[in-house]
Amino acid sequence: MHTLYSMQGSGNCYKLRLLMAQLDVPFRLIDVDVVEGETRTPDFLAKNPNGRVPLLELPDGRLLPESNAAMVYLAEGTAHLPEDRFARAQALQWMFFEQYSHEPYIAVARYWRMFAPGGPDRKADRFPEWTERGNQALAVMERHLAERAFFVDGRYTVADIALYAYTHVAGEAGFDLAPYPAVRDWLARVAGEPGHVAIDWRPQGG
């Protein structure tokens, strides 16, 4: 069985919980509290020297950190990862976009509003930049989704999961999605996909 080291509420961890639920991949969930420093212990750093979650442990004991890399591994051979070479590259393109142009602003703003000790006042000077850059990312998504139902190949893929994770909770980061109707319609389509689970979902017994 797979083991997922995860922090509940993390969008990056949610990506893997959502994908494995939709692929019907059984897994064991181990909660790791980033805020309390549980990713910086010697035991955890021995598993992931980068000291972050999610961390996916395969049934044979191999370890795979980084949410999007783990999603590509899990989705191999399924409809969630395009077989066509160009479509697969496009999926990766949007996953790189998520980690470089989306997550560093929307996810980080959410962390400081929702989870960080001391709250958002500690980073008050950073919120204007995060808001500006996060809205730039949402505008890119809006333009792309205005002409298509999903990000790649006309169907639901790991690219959608990668971008859905933090976009659907962007309000918790202080972002208003009202100006982005195509994004809002896409969020509803993703939420309607078979096997969809909420960000607070955990596997039975996990």
N, C-alpha and C. Protein backbone atom coordinates (compact mmCIF):
# COMPACT_ATOMS: atom_id res chain seq x y z
N MET A 1 0.84 -1.19 0.00
CA MET A 1 0.00 0.00 0.00
C MET A 1 0.88 1.25 0.00
N HIS A 2 0.41 2.29 -0.70
CA HIS A 2 1.09 3.56 -0.67
C HIS A 2 0.90 4.24 0.69
N THR A 3 1.87 5.05 1.07
CA THR A 3 1.77 5.87 2.27
C THR A 3 1.97 7.32 1.87
N LEU A 4 1.08 8.18 2.33
CA LEU A 4 1.17 9.60 2.03
C LEU A 4 1.42 10.37 3.32
N TYR A 5 2.58 11.02 3.38
CA TYR A 5 2.88 11.95 4.46
C TYR A 5 2.30 13.29 4.05
N SER A 6 1.40 13.82 4.87
CA SER A 6 0.55 14.91 4.39
C SER A 6 0.16 15.81 5.54
N MET A 7 -0.09 17.08 5.22
CA MET A 7 -0.67 18.01 6.19
C MET A 7 -2.07 18.38 5.72
N GLN A 8 -3.03 18.10 6.56
CA GLN A 8 -4.41 18.39 6.21
C GLN A 8 -4.56 19.89 5.98
N GLY A 9 -5.24 20.25 4.92
CA GLY A 9 -5.43 21.65 4.57
C GLY A 9 -4.45 22.14 3.53
N SER A 10 -3.34 21.42 3.34
CA SER A 10 -2.37 21.80 2.31
C SER A 10 -2.91 21.45 0.93
N GLY A 11 -2.88 22.42 0.03
CA GLY A 11 -3.33 22.15 -1.33
C GLY A 11 -2.43 21.18 -2.06
N ASN A 12 -1.12 21.28 -1.83
CA ASN A 12 -0.20 20.35 -2.48
C ASN A 12 -0.45 18.92 -2.04
N CYS A 13 -0.73 18.72 -0.76
CA CYS A 13 -1.06 17.38 -0.27
C CYS A 13 -2.42 16.92 -0.79
N TYR A 14 -3.35 17.85 -0.89
CA TYR A 14 -4.68 17.53 -1.39
C TYR A 14 -4.64 17.00 -2.82
N LYS A 15 -3.74 17.50 -3.64
CA LYS A 15 -3.62 17.00 -5.01
C LYS A 15 -3.52 15.48 -5.03
N LEU A 16 -2.67 14.93 -4.18
CA LEU A 16 -2.45 13.49 -4.19
C LEU A 16 -3.62 12.75 -3.57
N ARG A 17 -4.22 13.30 -2.52
CA ARG A 17 -5.39 12.64 -1.94
C ARG A 17 -6.53 12.59 -2.96
N LEU A 18 -6.72 13.68 -3.71
CA LEU A 18 -7.77 13.72 -4.72
C LEU A 18 -7.49 12.73 -5.83
N LEU A 19 -6.28 12.75 -6.36
CA LEU A 19 -5.96 11.85 -7.47
C LEU A 19 -6.08 10.39 -7.05
N MET A 20 -5.54 10.03 -5.90
CA MET A 20 -5.62 8.64 -5.48
C MET A 20 -7.05 8.21 -5.19
N ALA A 21 -7.87 9.12 -4.69
CA ALA A 21 -9.28 8.79 -4.50
C ALA A 21 -9.95 8.53 -5.84
N GLN A 22 -9.64 9.35 -6.84
CA GLN A 22 -10.28 9.18 -8.15
C GLN A 22 -9.75 7.97 -8.91
N LEU A 23 -8.51 7.59 -8.63
CA LEU A 23 -7.94 6.40 -9.27
C LEU A 23 -8.19 5.14 -8.45
N ASP A 24 -8.84 5.30 -7.31
CA ASP A 24 -9.13 4.17 -6.42
C ASP A 24 -7.84 3.46 -5.99
N VAL A 25 -6.83 4.27 -5.66
CA VAL A 25 -5.57 3.75 -5.16
C VAL A 25 -5.60 3.79 -3.64
N PRO A 26 -5.57 2.64 -2.97
CA PRO A 26 -5.60 2.67 -1.50
C PRO A 26 -4.30 3.23 -0.94
N PHE A 27 -4.41 3.98 0.13
CA PHE A 27 -3.20 4.52 0.74
C PHE A 27 -3.43 4.77 2.22
N ARG A 28 -2.33 4.79 2.92
CA ARG A 28 -2.30 5.10 4.34
C ARG A 28 -1.87 6.55 4.48
N LEU A 29 -2.54 7.29 5.36
CA LEU A 29 -2.26 8.70 5.54
C LEU A 29 -1.55 8.92 6.87
N ILE A 30 -0.40 9.60 6.83
CA ILE A 30 0.31 9.96 8.04
C ILE A 30 0.35 11.48 8.12
N ASP A 31 -0.30 12.03 9.14
CA ASP A 31 -0.34 13.48 9.30
C ASP A 31 1.00 14.00 9.78
N VAL A 32 1.47 15.06 9.15
CA VAL A 32 2.72 15.72 9.51
C VAL A 32 2.41 17.21 9.64
N ASP A 33 2.69 17.77 10.80
CA ASP A 33 2.37 19.17 11.05
C ASP A 33 3.57 20.04 10.72
N VAL A 34 3.49 20.72 9.59
CA VAL A 34 4.59 21.59 9.16
C VAL A 34 4.78 22.74 10.13
N VAL A 35 3.68 23.31 10.61
CA VAL A 35 3.74 24.47 11.50
C VAL A 35 4.48 24.13 12.78
N GLU A 36 4.32 22.91 13.25
CA GLU A 36 4.97 22.47 14.49
C GLU A 36 6.38 21.93 14.25
N GLY A 37 6.86 22.02 13.02
CA GLY A 37 8.22 21.62 12.73
C GLY A 37 8.43 20.13 12.52
N GLU A 38 7.35 19.39 12.29
CA GLU A 38 7.48 17.94 12.18
C GLU A 38 8.16 17.48 10.89
N THR A 39 8.31 18.38 9.92
CA THR A 39 9.06 18.02 8.70
C THR A 39 10.55 18.30 8.86
N ARG A 40 10.95 18.84 10.00
CA ARG A 40 12.36 19.18 10.21
C ARG A 40 13.05 18.23 11.19
N THR A 41 12.37 17.18 11.57
CA THR A 41 12.98 16.22 12.49
C THR A 41 13.98 15.35 11.72
N PRO A 42 14.97 14.79 12.42
CA PRO A 42 15.93 13.91 11.74
C PRO A 42 15.26 12.75 11.00
N ASP A 43 14.23 12.16 11.61
CA ASP A 43 13.57 11.03 10.96
C ASP A 43 12.91 11.44 9.65
N PHE A 44 12.23 12.59 9.65
CA PHE A 44 11.57 13.01 8.41
C PHE A 44 12.59 13.46 7.37
N LEU A 45 13.60 14.19 7.80
CA LEU A 45 14.62 14.65 6.86
C LEU A 45 15.38 13.50 6.22
N ALA A 46 15.43 12.37 6.91
CA ALA A 46 16.04 11.19 6.30
C ALA A 46 15.20 10.67 5.14
N LYS A 47 13.90 10.94 5.18
CA LYS A 47 13.00 10.53 4.10
C LYS A 47 12.97 11.58 2.99
N ASN A 48 12.91 12.85 3.38
CA ASN A 48 12.89 13.94 2.41
C ASN A 48 13.80 15.05 2.91
N PRO A 49 15.02 15.12 2.42
CA PRO A 49 15.97 16.14 2.89
C PRO A 49 15.48 17.57 2.68
N ASN A 50 14.50 17.77 1.80
CA ASN A 50 13.95 19.10 1.58
C ASN A 50 12.97 19.50 2.68
N GLY A 51 12.58 18.55 3.53
CA GLY A 51 11.75 18.86 4.68
C GLY A 51 10.38 19.40 4.35
N ARG A 52 9.72 18.77 3.38
CA ARG A 52 8.40 19.24 2.96
C ARG A 52 7.44 18.07 2.77
N VAL A 53 6.16 18.38 2.84
CA VAL A 53 5.12 17.45 2.43
C VAL A 53 4.40 18.08 1.24
N PRO A 54 3.78 17.25 0.39
CA PRO A 54 3.59 15.82 0.55
C PRO A 54 4.84 15.01 0.23
N LEU A 55 4.84 13.81 0.78
CA LEU A 55 5.87 12.83 0.46
C LEU A 55 5.14 11.50 0.26
N LEU A 56 5.31 10.93 -0.92
CA LEU A 56 4.65 9.67 -1.24
C LEU A 56 5.65 8.53 -1.08
N GLU A 57 5.28 7.56 -0.26
CA GLU A 57 6.10 6.36 -0.10
C GLU A 57 5.42 5.22 -0.86
N LEU A 58 6.14 4.64 -1.81
CA LEU A 58 5.59 3.57 -2.63
C LEU A 58 5.57 2.27 -1.85
N PRO A 59 4.76 1.30 -2.30
CA PRO A 59 4.68 0.04 -1.57
C PRO A 59 6.03 -0.66 -1.40
N ASP A 60 6.97 -0.42 -2.31
CA ASP A 60 8.29 -1.05 -2.20
C ASP A 60 9.28 -0.24 -1.37
N GLY A 61 8.80 0.86 -0.77
CA GLY A 61 9.64 1.66 0.10
C GLY A 61 10.31 2.86 -0.56
N ARG A 62 10.25 2.96 -1.88
CA ARG A 62 10.83 4.12 -2.54
C ARG A 62 10.02 5.37 -2.19
N LEU A 63 10.72 6.50 -2.18
CA LEU A 63 10.11 7.75 -1.73
C LEU A 63 10.08 8.77 -2.86
N LEU A 64 8.95 9.45 -2.98
CA LEU A 64 8.79 10.42 -4.05
C LEU A 64 8.18 11.71 -3.49
N PRO A 65 9.02 12.75 -3.28
CA PRO A 65 8.48 14.04 -2.87
C PRO A 65 8.02 14.85 -4.07
N GLU A 66 7.51 16.04 -3.82
CA GLU A 66 7.02 16.99 -4.82
C GLU A 66 5.67 16.53 -5.39
N SER A 67 4.66 17.31 -5.12
CA SER A 67 3.29 16.90 -5.44
C SER A 67 3.07 16.61 -6.92
N ASN A 68 3.56 17.46 -7.79
CA ASN A 68 3.28 17.27 -9.21
C ASN A 68 4.05 16.09 -9.79
N ALA A 69 5.27 15.86 -9.32
CA ALA A 69 6.02 14.67 -9.75
C ALA A 69 5.30 13.41 -9.31
N ALA A 70 4.81 13.40 -8.09
CA ALA A 70 4.10 12.22 -7.58
C ALA A 70 2.80 12.00 -8.35
N MET A 71 2.13 13.08 -8.74
CA MET A 71 0.90 12.93 -9.53
C MET A 71 1.19 12.30 -10.89
N VAL A 72 2.25 12.74 -11.54
CA VAL A 72 2.59 12.17 -12.84
C VAL A 72 2.88 10.68 -12.69
N TYR A 73 3.59 10.31 -11.64
CA TYR A 73 3.88 8.89 -11.39
C TYR A 73 2.59 8.10 -11.22
N LEU A 74 1.70 8.60 -10.37
CA LEU A 74 0.46 7.87 -10.08
C LEU A 74 -0.45 7.79 -11.30
N ALA A 75 -0.43 8.83 -12.12
CA ALA A 75 -1.37 8.91 -13.25
C ALA A 75 -0.87 8.16 -14.48
N GLU A 76 0.36 7.69 -14.48
CA GLU A 76 0.90 6.97 -15.64
C GLU A 76 -0.02 5.82 -16.03
N GLY A 77 -0.36 5.78 -17.32
CA GLY A 77 -1.21 4.70 -17.82
C GLY A 77 -2.68 4.89 -17.57
N THR A 78 -3.08 6.06 -17.06
CA THR A 78 -4.50 6.33 -16.82
C THR A 78 -4.96 7.49 -17.70
N ALA A 79 -6.26 7.72 -17.73
CA ALA A 79 -6.81 8.82 -18.52
C ALA A 79 -6.43 10.19 -17.97
N HIS A 80 -5.90 10.22 -16.77
CA HIS A 80 -5.53 11.49 -16.15
C HIS A 80 -4.22 12.05 -16.68
N LEU A 81 -3.47 11.26 -17.44
CA LEU A 81 -2.20 11.72 -18.01
C LEU A 81 -2.22 11.44 -19.50
N PRO A 82 -2.20 12.47 -20.34
CA PRO A 82 -2.31 12.25 -21.79
C PRO A 82 -1.21 11.34 -22.33
N GLU A 83 -1.58 10.49 -23.28
CA GLU A 83 -0.59 9.64 -23.95
C GLU A 83 0.12 10.39 -25.07
N ASP A 84 -0.62 11.27 -25.75
CA ASP A 84 -0.04 12.04 -26.84
C ASP A 84 1.14 12.87 -26.33
N ARG A 85 2.21 12.85 -27.07
CA ARG A 85 3.45 13.51 -26.61
C ARG A 85 3.25 15.01 -26.38
N PHE A 86 2.60 15.69 -27.32
CA PHE A 86 2.41 17.13 -27.17
C PHE A 86 1.43 17.46 -26.06
N ALA A 87 0.35 16.69 -25.97
CA ALA A 87 -0.64 16.93 -24.91
C ALA A 87 -0.02 16.70 -23.54
N ARG A 88 0.84 15.69 -23.43
CA ARG A 88 1.52 15.44 -22.16
C ARG A 88 2.43 16.62 -21.81
N ALA A 89 3.14 17.13 -22.80
CA ALA A 89 3.99 18.29 -22.56
C ALA A 89 3.16 19.49 -22.13
N GLN A 90 1.98 19.65 -22.71
CA GLN A 90 1.10 20.75 -22.29
C GLN A 90 0.64 20.58 -20.84
N ALA A 91 0.34 19.34 -20.46
CA ALA A 91 -0.03 19.10 -19.07
C ALA A 91 1.11 19.49 -18.14
N LEU A 92 2.32 19.12 -18.50
CA LEU A 92 3.48 19.50 -17.70
C LEU A 92 3.67 21.02 -17.70
N GLN A 93 3.42 21.65 -18.83
CA GLN A 93 3.52 23.11 -18.92
C GLN A 93 2.65 23.77 -17.86
N TRP A 94 1.38 23.32 -17.75
CA TRP A 94 0.48 23.94 -16.79
C TRP A 94 0.85 23.57 -15.36
N MET A 95 1.43 22.40 -15.17
CA MET A 95 1.87 22.02 -13.83
C MET A 95 3.08 22.85 -13.41
N PHE A 96 3.98 23.16 -14.36
CA PHE A 96 5.09 24.06 -14.06
C PHE A 96 4.57 25.47 -13.78
N PHE A 97 3.60 25.90 -14.56
CA PHE A 97 2.97 27.21 -14.34
C PHE A 97 2.39 27.29 -12.93
N GLU A 98 1.74 26.23 -12.51
CA GLU A 98 1.13 26.20 -11.18
C GLU A 98 2.19 26.40 -10.09
N GLN A 99 3.31 25.73 -10.23
CA GLN A 99 4.34 25.81 -9.19
C GLN A 99 5.14 27.10 -9.25
N TYR A 100 5.24 27.71 -10.42
CA TYR A 100 6.09 28.90 -10.57
C TYR A 100 5.30 30.20 -10.53
N SER A 101 4.11 30.23 -11.10
CA SER A 101 3.37 31.49 -11.27
C SER A 101 2.09 31.57 -10.45
N HIS A 102 1.66 30.48 -9.85
CA HIS A 102 0.38 30.42 -9.15
C HIS A 102 0.59 30.13 -7.66
N GLU A 103 1.16 29.00 -7.36
CA GLU A 103 1.33 28.55 -5.98
C GLU A 103 2.15 29.51 -5.12
N PRO A 104 3.24 30.12 -5.63
CA PRO A 104 4.04 31.00 -4.78
C PRO A 104 3.30 32.24 -4.29
N TYR A 105 2.16 32.55 -4.88
CA TYR A 105 1.42 33.75 -4.51
C TYR A 105 0.10 33.38 -3.83
N ILE A 106 -0.72 32.57 -4.48
CA ILE A 106 -2.03 32.24 -3.91
C ILE A 106 -1.86 31.31 -2.71
N ALA A 107 -1.06 30.27 -2.85
CA ALA A 107 -0.87 29.34 -1.73
C ALA A 107 -0.14 29.99 -0.57
N VAL A 108 0.85 30.79 -0.87
CA VAL A 108 1.62 31.43 0.21
C VAL A 108 0.75 32.44 0.96
N ALA A 109 -0.04 33.22 0.23
CA ALA A 109 -0.95 34.15 0.90
C ALA A 109 -1.94 33.40 1.78
N ARG A 110 -2.43 32.28 1.30
CA ARG A 110 -3.36 31.46 2.10
C ARG A 110 -2.68 30.93 3.35
N TYR A 111 -1.45 30.47 3.21
CA TYR A 111 -0.73 29.95 4.38
C TYR A 111 -0.62 31.01 5.46
N TRP A 112 -0.25 32.22 5.07
CA TRP A 112 -0.07 33.26 6.08
C TRP A 112 -1.39 33.76 6.65
N ARG A 113 -2.46 33.61 5.93
CA ARG A 113 -3.77 33.97 6.47
C ARG A 113 -4.36 32.88 7.35
N MET A 114 -4.12 31.62 6.99
CA MET A 114 -4.86 30.51 7.60
C MET A 114 -4.06 29.68 8.61
N PHE A 115 -2.76 29.59 8.43
CA PHE A 115 -2.01 28.60 9.19
C PHE A 115 -0.82 29.16 9.97
N ALA A 116 -0.17 30.16 9.47
CA ALA A 116 1.11 30.60 10.04
C ALA A 116 0.94 31.16 11.44
N PRO A 117 1.84 30.81 12.35
CA PRO A 117 1.80 31.42 13.68
C PRO A 117 1.96 32.94 13.57
N GLY A 118 1.14 33.64 14.30
CA GLY A 118 1.22 35.11 14.26
C GLY A 118 0.33 35.74 13.23
N GLY A 119 -0.19 34.94 12.28
CA GLY A 119 -1.16 35.44 11.33
C GLY A 119 -0.58 36.34 10.25
N PRO A 120 -1.46 36.92 9.44
CA PRO A 120 -1.03 37.67 8.25
C PRO A 120 -0.29 38.96 8.54
N ASP A 121 -0.44 39.50 9.75
CA ASP A 121 0.22 40.78 10.04
C ASP A 121 1.74 40.68 9.92
N ARG A 122 2.26 39.49 10.13
CA ARG A 122 3.72 39.32 10.06
C ARG A 122 4.25 39.51 8.64
N LYS A 123 3.38 39.35 7.65
CA LYS A 123 3.79 39.50 6.26
C LYS A 123 2.96 40.54 5.53
N ALA A 124 2.46 41.51 6.26
CA ALA A 124 1.57 42.51 5.67
C ALA A 124 2.20 43.21 4.48
N ASP A 125 3.50 43.38 4.51
CA ASP A 125 4.17 44.08 3.42
C ASP A 125 4.25 43.26 2.15
N ARG A 126 4.04 41.95 2.26
CA ARG A 126 4.15 41.07 1.09
C ARG A 126 2.82 40.86 0.38
N PHE A 127 1.72 41.11 1.07
CA PHE A 127 0.42 40.79 0.48
C PHE A 127 0.10 41.56 -0.80
N PRO A 128 0.48 42.83 -0.93
CA PRO A 128 0.21 43.50 -2.20
C PRO A 128 0.86 42.79 -3.40
N GLU A 129 2.10 42.36 -3.25
CA GLU A 129 2.76 41.65 -4.34
C GLU A 129 2.08 40.31 -4.59
N TRP A 130 1.80 39.57 -3.52
CA TRP A 130 1.15 38.27 -3.70
C TRP A 130 -0.21 38.43 -4.39
N THR A 131 -0.94 39.46 -4.01
CA THR A 131 -2.26 39.69 -4.62
C THR A 131 -2.12 40.04 -6.10
N GLU A 132 -1.19 40.91 -6.42
CA GLU A 132 -0.99 41.29 -7.81
C GLU A 132 -0.57 40.09 -8.66
N ARG A 133 0.42 39.36 -8.20
CA ARG A 133 0.93 38.24 -8.99
C ARG A 133 -0.07 37.08 -9.04
N GLY A 134 -0.80 36.86 -7.95
CA GLY A 134 -1.82 35.82 -7.96
C GLY A 134 -2.94 36.15 -8.95
N ASN A 135 -3.34 37.40 -9.01
CA ASN A 135 -4.37 37.79 -9.97
C ASN A 135 -3.86 37.71 -11.41
N GLN A 136 -2.58 37.96 -11.61
CA GLN A 136 -2.02 37.75 -12.94
C GLN A 136 -2.15 36.29 -13.36
N ALA A 137 -1.87 35.37 -12.45
CA ALA A 137 -2.01 33.95 -12.75
C ALA A 137 -3.46 33.59 -13.04
N LEU A 138 -4.37 34.09 -12.23
CA LEU A 138 -5.79 33.82 -12.46
C LEU A 138 -6.26 34.37 -13.80
N ALA A 139 -5.72 35.52 -14.21
CA ALA A 139 -6.08 36.10 -15.51
C ALA A 139 -5.59 35.23 -16.66
N VAL A 140 -4.41 34.65 -16.52
CA VAL A 140 -3.91 33.72 -17.53
C VAL A 140 -4.84 32.52 -17.63
N MET A 141 -5.24 31.98 -16.51
CA MET A 141 -6.16 30.84 -16.49
C MET A 141 -7.50 31.21 -17.12
N GLU A 142 -8.00 32.39 -16.79
CA GLU A 142 -9.29 32.85 -17.32
C GLU A 142 -9.26 32.91 -18.84
N ARG A 143 -8.20 33.48 -19.40
CA ARG A 143 -8.12 33.57 -20.86
C ARG A 143 -8.08 32.18 -21.50
N HIS A 144 -7.35 31.28 -20.90
CA HIS A 144 -7.23 29.93 -21.45
C HIS A 144 -8.55 29.18 -21.35
N LEU A 145 -9.22 29.29 -20.23
CA LEU A 145 -10.45 28.53 -20.00
C LEU A 145 -11.67 29.15 -20.67
N ALA A 146 -11.54 30.37 -21.14
CA ALA A 146 -12.66 30.99 -21.84
C ALA A 146 -13.03 30.24 -23.11
N GLU A 147 -12.09 29.46 -23.63
CA GLU A 147 -12.32 28.76 -24.90
C GLU A 147 -12.29 27.24 -24.77
N ARG A 148 -12.21 26.72 -23.55
CA ARG A 148 -12.12 25.26 -23.39
C ARG A 148 -12.62 24.86 -22.01
N ALA A 149 -13.02 23.62 -21.88
CA ALA A 149 -13.60 23.13 -20.63
C ALA A 149 -12.53 22.78 -19.60
N PHE A 150 -11.39 22.25 -20.08
CA PHE A 150 -10.31 21.85 -19.20
C PHE A 150 -9.00 22.37 -19.79
N PHE A 151 -7.91 22.20 -19.05
CA PHE A 151 -6.67 22.84 -19.47
C PHE A 151 -6.01 22.18 -20.67
N VAL A 152 -6.13 20.87 -20.80
CA VAL A 152 -5.36 20.16 -21.82
C VAL A 152 -6.22 19.09 -22.49
N ASP A 153 -6.12 19.00 -23.79
CA ASP A 153 -6.64 17.85 -24.53
C ASP A 153 -8.15 17.70 -24.41
N GLY A 154 -8.85 18.76 -24.01
CA GLY A 154 -10.31 18.71 -23.94
C GLY A 154 -10.87 17.82 -22.86
N ARG A 155 -10.03 17.45 -21.86
CA ARG A 155 -10.53 16.55 -20.81
C ARG A 155 -9.79 16.80 -19.51
N TYR A 156 -10.33 16.22 -18.47
CA TYR A 156 -9.80 16.37 -17.12
C TYR A 156 -8.50 15.59 -16.97
N THR A 157 -7.43 16.29 -16.53
CA THR A 157 -6.13 15.65 -16.38
C THR A 157 -5.46 16.14 -15.09
N VAL A 158 -4.25 15.65 -14.87
CA VAL A 158 -3.47 16.08 -13.71
C VAL A 158 -3.22 17.59 -13.73
N ALA A 159 -3.22 18.20 -14.90
CA ALA A 159 -3.06 19.65 -14.97
C ALA A 159 -4.20 20.36 -14.25
N ASP A 160 -5.41 19.84 -14.41
CA ASP A 160 -6.56 20.43 -13.73
C ASP A 160 -6.45 20.23 -12.22
N ILE A 161 -6.05 19.06 -11.79
CA ILE A 161 -5.90 18.81 -10.36
C ILE A 161 -4.87 19.75 -9.77
N ALA A 162 -3.73 19.91 -10.47
CA ALA A 162 -2.66 20.77 -9.96
C ALA A 162 -3.16 22.19 -9.73
N LEU A 163 -3.93 22.72 -10.67
CA LEU A 163 -4.39 24.10 -10.56
C LEU A 163 -5.64 24.25 -9.69
N TYR A 164 -6.44 23.20 -9.62
CA TYR A 164 -7.64 23.25 -8.80
C TYR A 164 -7.31 23.37 -7.31
N ALA A 165 -6.25 22.69 -6.88
CA ALA A 165 -5.98 22.53 -5.46
C ALA A 165 -5.99 23.85 -4.70
N TYR A 166 -5.27 24.84 -5.20
CA TYR A 166 -5.24 26.12 -4.50
C TYR A 166 -6.21 27.15 -5.08
N THR A 167 -6.64 26.96 -6.33
CA THR A 167 -7.59 27.93 -6.89
C THR A 167 -8.94 27.85 -6.19
N HIS A 168 -9.39 26.63 -5.87
CA HIS A 168 -10.73 26.51 -5.30
C HIS A 168 -10.80 27.04 -3.85
N VAL A 169 -9.65 27.26 -3.23
CA VAL A 169 -9.63 27.86 -1.89
C VAL A 169 -8.96 29.24 -1.93
N ALA A 170 -8.91 29.85 -3.10
CA ALA A 170 -8.25 31.15 -3.24
C ALA A 170 -8.92 32.22 -2.38
N GLY A 171 -10.21 32.06 -2.13
CA GLY A 171 -10.89 33.01 -1.25
C GLY A 171 -10.28 33.05 0.13
N GLU A 172 -9.75 31.93 0.59
CA GLU A 172 -9.10 31.89 1.91
C GLU A 172 -7.78 32.66 1.89
N ALA A 173 -7.27 32.93 0.71
CA ALA A 173 -6.05 33.73 0.57
C ALA A 173 -6.36 35.20 0.32
N GLY A 174 -7.65 35.54 0.25
CA GLY A 174 -8.05 36.92 0.03
C GLY A 174 -8.32 37.28 -1.42
N PHE A 175 -8.41 36.26 -2.29
CA PHE A 175 -8.65 36.52 -3.71
C PHE A 175 -10.14 36.43 -4.02
N ASP A 176 -10.62 37.37 -4.81
CA ASP A 176 -12.00 37.40 -5.26
C ASP A 176 -12.08 36.76 -6.64
N LEU A 177 -12.82 35.67 -6.78
CA LEU A 177 -12.93 34.99 -8.06
C LEU A 177 -14.09 35.51 -8.92
N ALA A 178 -14.82 36.49 -8.42
CA ALA A 178 -15.94 37.03 -9.19
C ALA A 178 -15.53 37.52 -10.58
N PRO A 179 -14.36 38.14 -10.75
CA PRO A 179 -13.98 38.62 -12.09
C PRO A 179 -13.54 37.51 -13.04
N TYR A 180 -13.60 36.26 -12.60
CA TYR A 180 -13.08 35.16 -13.40
C TYR A 180 -14.17 34.10 -13.64
N PRO A 181 -15.16 34.41 -14.46
CA PRO A 181 -16.28 33.48 -14.65
C PRO A 181 -15.86 32.15 -15.27
N ALA A 182 -14.92 32.17 -16.21
CA ALA A 182 -14.48 30.90 -16.82
C ALA A 182 -13.78 30.03 -15.80
N VAL A 183 -13.00 30.64 -14.92
CA VAL A 183 -12.34 29.88 -13.85
C VAL A 183 -13.39 29.29 -12.92
N ARG A 184 -14.41 30.07 -12.56
CA ARG A 184 -15.44 29.57 -11.67
C ARG A 184 -16.22 28.41 -12.30
N ASP A 185 -16.51 28.51 -13.59
CA ASP A 185 -17.19 27.41 -14.27
C ASP A 185 -16.32 26.16 -14.31
N TRP A 186 -15.03 26.36 -14.54
CA TRP A 186 -14.09 25.23 -14.53
C TRP A 186 -14.02 24.58 -13.15
N LEU A 187 -13.98 25.38 -12.10
CA LEU A 187 -13.97 24.82 -10.75
C LEU A 187 -15.18 23.93 -10.53
N ALA A 188 -16.33 24.35 -11.01
CA ALA A 188 -17.55 23.55 -10.85
C ALA A 188 -17.44 22.24 -11.64
N ARG A 189 -16.84 22.30 -12.83
CA ARG A 189 -16.67 21.07 -13.61
C ARG A 189 -15.73 20.10 -12.90
N VAL A 190 -14.64 20.61 -12.37
CA VAL A 190 -13.70 19.74 -11.65
C VAL A 190 -14.38 19.12 -10.44
N ALA A 191 -15.13 19.91 -9.70
CA ALA A 191 -15.83 19.39 -8.52
C ALA A 191 -16.86 18.34 -8.89
N GLY A 192 -17.33 18.35 -10.13
CA GLY A 192 -18.31 17.38 -10.58
C GLY A 192 -17.73 16.10 -11.16
N GLU A 193 -16.39 16.01 -11.21
CA GLU A 193 -15.76 14.82 -11.75
C GLU A 193 -16.00 13.61 -10.85
N PRO A 194 -16.16 12.42 -11.43
CA PRO A 194 -16.38 11.21 -10.61
C PRO A 194 -15.26 11.00 -9.60
N GLY A 195 -15.64 10.65 -8.40
CA GLY A 195 -14.67 10.36 -7.37
C GLY A 195 -14.11 11.58 -6.67
N HIS A 196 -14.65 12.76 -7.00
CA HIS A 196 -14.13 13.99 -6.38
C HIS A 196 -14.32 13.95 -4.87
N VAL A 197 -13.29 14.42 -4.15
CA VAL A 197 -13.38 14.54 -2.69
C VAL A 197 -12.96 15.95 -2.30
N ALA A 198 -13.42 16.38 -1.13
CA ALA A 198 -13.12 17.72 -0.64
C ALA A 198 -11.72 17.77 -0.04
N ILE A 199 -11.20 18.98 0.14
CA ILE A 199 -9.85 19.15 0.64
C ILE A 199 -9.70 18.61 2.06
N ASP A 200 -10.79 18.54 2.82
CA ASP A 200 -10.70 18.02 4.19
C ASP A 200 -10.96 16.53 4.28
N TRP A 201 -11.07 15.88 3.12
CA TRP A 201 -11.31 14.43 3.09
C TRP A 201 -10.04 13.66 3.46
N ARG A 202 -10.23 12.54 4.12
CA ARG A 202 -9.13 11.62 4.38
C ARG A 202 -9.63 10.20 4.15
N PRO A 203 -8.77 9.26 3.75
CA PRO A 203 -9.23 7.89 3.49
C PRO A 203 -9.78 7.26 4.76
N GLN A 204 -10.68 6.32 4.58
CA GLN A 204 -11.28 5.65 5.74
C GLN A 204 -10.18 4.99 6.56
N GLY A 205 -10.15 5.32 7.83
CA GLY A 205 -9.12 4.77 8.70
C GLY A 205 -7.83 5.56 8.67
N GLY A 206 -7.76 6.61 7.79
CA GLY A 206 -6.53 7.39 7.67
C GLY A 206 -6.51 8.57 8.60
